[in-house]
Amino acid sequence: MNNRSNPTFRDRLSHSSDAKSAMLAKFKRAQDPDNPGAVEKRRQREAVVEARAERAAQREAARQQHERELARQAALAAEAAAEAERAAAKQIAREAAEQVEREAALKAEQKAARDARYAARKAAKKERRRGY
């Protein structure tokens, strides 16, 4: 039989040991601070972290700007509502004053009509007295 297709136990142990040694050597090379690959990966990770922090700062600034704009719009809306309320109060006061004037004019007119009727009755009574 072919030795490659059916390795012995000792061959399998040897291959396993060689693979473990190769993995350990690769790990040690990756952990070396002077390794150019590790330095490049670390630099890339730091660049990603910086970019994330910058984007977060931009989002925060945009959120604060948006909140300031909303506060400004709310202040303008409150000012407009207050102005509308003042105008409505003035209109109500003006209408109330006009109503008081109309009522006073109506009372004066009614009093004048009542006085005229009274004067007419007095004159008629006086006229009847003369006729006797």
C-alpha atoms as a PDB file:
ATOM      1  CA  MET A   1       0.000   0.000   0.000  1.00  0.00           C
ATOM      2  CA  ASN A   2       0.929   3.581  -0.569  1.00  0.00           C
ATOM      3  CA  ASN A   3       2.280   5.280   2.532  1.00  0.00           C
ATOM      4  CA  ARG A   4       0.703   8.664   1.629  1.00  0.00           C
ATOM      5  CA  SER A   5      -2.851   7.411   1.459  1.00  0.00           C
ATOM      6  CA  ASN A   6      -2.568   5.482   4.714  1.00  0.00           C
ATOM      7  CA  PRO A   7      -0.230   7.337   7.077  1.00  0.00           C
ATOM      8  CA  THR A   8       0.933   5.732  10.230  1.00  0.00           C
ATOM      9  CA  PHE A   9       0.130   6.995  13.704  1.00  0.00           C
ATOM     10  CA  ARG A  10       3.619   8.350  14.092  1.00  0.00           C
ATOM     11  CA  ASP A  11       3.293  10.316  10.788  1.00  0.00           C
ATOM     12  CA  ARG A  12      -0.009  11.833  11.919  1.00  0.00           C
ATOM     13  CA  LEU A  13       1.527  12.879  15.239  1.00  0.00           C
ATOM     14  CA  SER A  14       4.453  14.431  13.431  1.00  0.00           C
ATOM     15  CA  HIS A  15       2.193  16.386  11.026  1.00  0.00           C
ATOM     16  CA  SER A  16       0.035  17.548  13.925  1.00  0.00           C
ATOM     17  CA  SER A  17       3.061  18.719  15.864  1.00  0.00           C
ATOM     18  CA  ASP A  18       4.440  20.549  12.803  1.00  0.00           C
ATOM     19  CA  ALA A  19       1.065  22.281  12.248  1.00  0.00           C
ATOM     20  CA  LYS A  20       0.885  23.351  15.896  1.00  0.00           C
ATOM     21  CA  SER A  21       4.428  24.697  15.738  1.00  0.00           C
ATOM     22  CA  ALA A  22       3.611  26.623  12.550  1.00  0.00           C
ATOM     23  CA  MET A  23       0.493  28.143  14.125  1.00  0.00           C
ATOM     24  CA  LEU A  24       2.451  29.134  17.233  1.00  0.00           C
ATOM     25  CA  ALA A  25       5.168  30.759  15.112  1.00  0.00           C
ATOM     26  CA  LYS A  26       2.542  32.652  13.106  1.00  0.00           C
ATOM     27  CA  PHE A  27       0.884  33.876  16.330  1.00  0.00           C
ATOM     28  CA  LYS A  28       4.228  35.022  17.763  1.00  0.00           C
ATOM     29  CA  ARG A  29       5.029  36.903  14.535  1.00  0.00           C
ATOM     30  CA  ALA A  30       1.611  38.611  14.699  1.00  0.00           C
ATOM     31  CA  GLN A  31       2.191  39.646  18.317  1.00  0.00           C
ATOM     32  CA  ASP A  32       5.612  41.160  17.609  1.00  0.00           C
ATOM     33  CA  PRO A  33       5.250  44.979  17.950  1.00  0.00           C
ATOM     34  CA  ASP A  34       7.834  45.553  15.208  1.00  0.00           C
ATOM     35  CA  ASN A  35       6.045  43.330  12.711  1.00  0.00           C
ATOM     36  CA  PRO A  36       5.081  45.532   9.711  1.00  0.00           C
ATOM     37  CA  GLY A  37       1.810  43.613   9.149  1.00  0.00           C
ATOM     38  CA  ALA A  38       0.767  44.060  12.770  1.00  0.00           C
ATOM     39  CA  VAL A  39       1.771  47.732  12.690  1.00  0.00           C
ATOM     40  CA  GLU A  40      -0.321  48.258   9.549  1.00  0.00           C
ATOM     41  CA  LYS A  41      -3.348  46.492  11.047  1.00  0.00           C
ATOM     42  CA  ARG A  42      -3.034  48.517  14.252  1.00  0.00           C
ATOM     43  CA  ARG A  43      -2.806  51.738  12.213  1.00  0.00           C
ATOM     44  CA  GLN A  44      -5.905  50.756  10.227  1.00  0.00           C
ATOM     45  CA  ARG A  45      -7.844  49.980  13.432  1.00  0.00           C
ATOM     46  CA  GLU A  46      -6.828  53.324  14.906  1.00  0.00           C
ATOM     47  CA  ALA A  47      -7.905  55.069  11.707  1.00  0.00           C
ATOM     48  CA  VAL A  48     -11.290  53.339  11.899  1.00  0.00           C
ATOM     49  CA  VAL A  49     -11.687  54.339  15.559  1.00  0.00           C
ATOM     50  CA  GLU A  50     -10.797  57.958  14.734  1.00  0.00           C
ATOM     51  CA  ALA A  51     -13.232  58.000  11.809  1.00  0.00           C
ATOM     52  CA  ARG A  52     -16.010  56.624  14.048  1.00  0.00           C
ATOM     53  CA  ALA A  53     -15.283  59.234  16.691  1.00  0.00           C
ATOM     54  CA  GLU A  54     -15.331  61.999  14.081  1.00  0.00           C
ATOM     55  CA  ARG A  55     -18.641  60.777  12.640  1.00  0.00           C
ATOM     56  CA  ALA A  56     -20.103  60.582  16.146  1.00  0.00           C
ATOM     57  CA  ALA A  57     -18.952  64.152  16.823  1.00  0.00           C
ATOM     58  CA  GLN A  58     -20.503  65.291  13.534  1.00  0.00           C
ATOM     59  CA  ARG A  59     -23.778  63.552  14.377  1.00  0.00           C
ATOM     60  CA  GLU A  60     -23.790  65.175  17.824  1.00  0.00           C
ATOM     61  CA  ALA A  61     -23.107  68.599  16.326  1.00  0.00           C
ATOM     62  CA  ALA A  62     -25.888  68.084  13.768  1.00  0.00           C
ATOM     63  CA  ARG A  63     -28.267  66.962  16.534  1.00  0.00           C
ATOM     64  CA  GLN A  64     -27.452  70.025  18.634  1.00  0.00           C
ATOM     65  CA  GLN A  65     -27.899  72.297  15.608  1.00  0.00           C
ATOM     66  CA  HIS A  66     -31.251  70.649  14.906  1.00  0.00           C
ATOM     67  CA  GLU A  67     -32.325  71.142  18.540  1.00  0.00           C
ATOM     68  CA  ARG A  68     -31.299  74.808  18.388  1.00  0.00           C
ATOM     69  CA  GLU A  69     -33.323  75.238  15.189  1.00  0.00           C
ATOM     70  CA  LEU A  70     -36.346  73.549  16.780  1.00  0.00           C
ATOM     71  CA  ALA A  71     -36.031  75.793  19.841  1.00  0.00           C
ATOM     72  CA  ARG A  72     -35.815  78.876  17.601  1.00  0.00           C
ATOM     73  CA  GLN A  73     -38.898  77.788  15.652  1.00  0.00           C
ATOM     74  CA  ALA A  74     -40.762  77.085  18.890  1.00  0.00           C
ATOM     75  CA  ALA A  75     -39.859  80.561  20.186  1.00  0.00           C
ATOM     76  CA  LEU A  76     -41.097  82.130  16.938  1.00  0.00           C
ATOM     77  CA  ALA A  77     -44.312  80.115  17.112  1.00  0.00           C
ATOM     78  CA  ALA A  78     -44.851  81.120  20.747  1.00  0.00           C
ATOM     79  CA  GLU A  79     -44.234  84.763  19.868  1.00  0.00           C
ATOM     80  CA  ALA A  80     -46.689  84.552  16.967  1.00  0.00           C
ATOM     81  CA  ALA A  81     -49.274  82.864  19.203  1.00  0.00           C
ATOM     82  CA  ALA A  82     -48.833  85.561  21.859  1.00  0.00           C
ATOM     83  CA  GLU A  83     -49.235  88.291  19.224  1.00  0.00           C
ATOM     84  CA  ALA A  84     -52.369  86.590  17.897  1.00  0.00           C
ATOM     85  CA  GLU A  85     -53.719  86.330  21.452  1.00  0.00           C
ATOM     86  CA  ARG A  86     -53.036  90.037  22.073  1.00  0.00           C
ATOM     87  CA  ALA A  87     -54.768  90.928  18.793  1.00  0.00           C
ATOM     88  CA  ALA A  88     -57.760  88.752  19.717  1.00  0.00           C
ATOM     89  CA  ALA A  89     -57.942  90.376  23.160  1.00  0.00           C
ATOM     90  CA  LYS A  90     -57.873  93.850  21.572  1.00  0.00           C
ATOM     91  CA  GLN A  91     -60.601  92.809  19.136  1.00  0.00           C
ATOM     92  CA  ILE A  92     -62.760  91.466  21.971  1.00  0.00           C
ATOM     93  CA  ALA A  93     -62.235  94.658  23.988  1.00  0.00           C
ATOM     94  CA  ARG A  94     -63.099  96.788  20.951  1.00  0.00           C
ATOM     95  CA  GLU A  95     -66.262  94.765  20.288  1.00  0.00           C
ATOM     96  CA  ALA A  96     -67.265  95.028  23.972  1.00  0.00           C
ATOM     97  CA  ALA A  97     -66.787  98.811  23.887  1.00  0.00           C
ATOM     98  CA  GLU A  98     -68.852  99.069  20.702  1.00  0.00           C
ATOM     99  CA  GLN A  99     -71.558  96.932  22.310  1.00  0.00           C
ATOM    100  CA  VAL A 100     -71.609  99.239  25.371  1.00  0.00           C
ATOM    101  CA  GLU A 101     -71.879 102.274  23.058  1.00  0.00           C
ATOM    102  CA  ARG A 102     -74.734 100.666  21.091  1.00  0.00           C
ATOM    103  CA  GLU A 103     -76.569  99.816  24.307  1.00  0.00           C
ATOM    104  CA  ALA A 104     -76.078 103.363  25.640  1.00  0.00           C
ATOM    105  CA  ALA A 105     -77.351 104.830  22.363  1.00  0.00           C
ATOM    106  CA  LEU A 106     -80.342 102.473  22.392  1.00  0.00           C
ATOM    107  CA  LYS A 107     -81.175 103.414  26.009  1.00  0.00           C
ATOM    108  CA  ALA A 108     -80.878 107.109  25.170  1.00  0.00           C
ATOM    109  CA  GLU A 109     -83.163 106.625  22.158  1.00  0.00           C
ATOM    110  CA  GLN A 110     -85.686 104.662  24.228  1.00  0.00           C
ATOM    111  CA  LYS A 111     -85.589 107.349  26.942  1.00  0.00           C
ATOM    112  CA  ALA A 112     -86.164 110.058  24.341  1.00  0.00           C
ATOM    113  CA  ALA A 113     -89.140 108.111  22.923  1.00  0.00           C
ATOM    114  CA  ARG A 114     -90.518 107.553  26.424  1.00  0.00           C
ATOM    115  CA  ASP A 115     -90.091 111.253  27.263  1.00  0.00           C
ATOM    116  CA  ALA A 116     -91.824 112.191  24.014  1.00  0.00           C
ATOM    117  CA  ARG A 117     -94.769 109.900  24.826  1.00  0.00           C
ATOM    118  CA  TYR A 118     -94.947 111.332  28.345  1.00  0.00           C
ATOM    119  CA  ALA A 119     -94.875 114.866  26.999  1.00  0.00           C
ATOM    120  CA  ALA A 120     -97.589 113.987  24.481  1.00  0.00           C
ATOM    121  CA  ARG A 121     -99.789 112.505  27.217  1.00  0.00           C
ATOM    122  CA  LYS A 122     -99.238 115.580  29.385  1.00  0.00           C
ATOM    123  CA  ALA A 123    -100.119 117.844  26.485  1.00  0.00           C
ATOM    124  CA  ALA A 124    -103.223 115.806  25.690  1.00  0.00           C
ATOM    125  CA  LYS A 125    -104.305 115.879  29.340  1.00  0.00           C
ATOM    126  CA  LYS A 126    -103.745 119.605  29.484  1.00  0.00           C
ATOM    127  CA  GLU A 127    -105.736 120.036  26.309  1.00  0.00           C
ATOM    128  CA  ARG A 128    -108.609 118.027  27.706  1.00  0.00           C
ATOM    129  CA  ARG A 129    -108.603 120.140  30.852  1.00  0.00           C
ATOM    130  CA  ARG A 130    -108.895 123.302  28.797  1.00  0.00           C
ATOM    131  CA  GLY A 131    -111.892 121.954  27.007  1.00  0.00           C
ATOM    132  CA  TYR A 132    -114.007 121.802  30.142  1.00  0.00           C
END
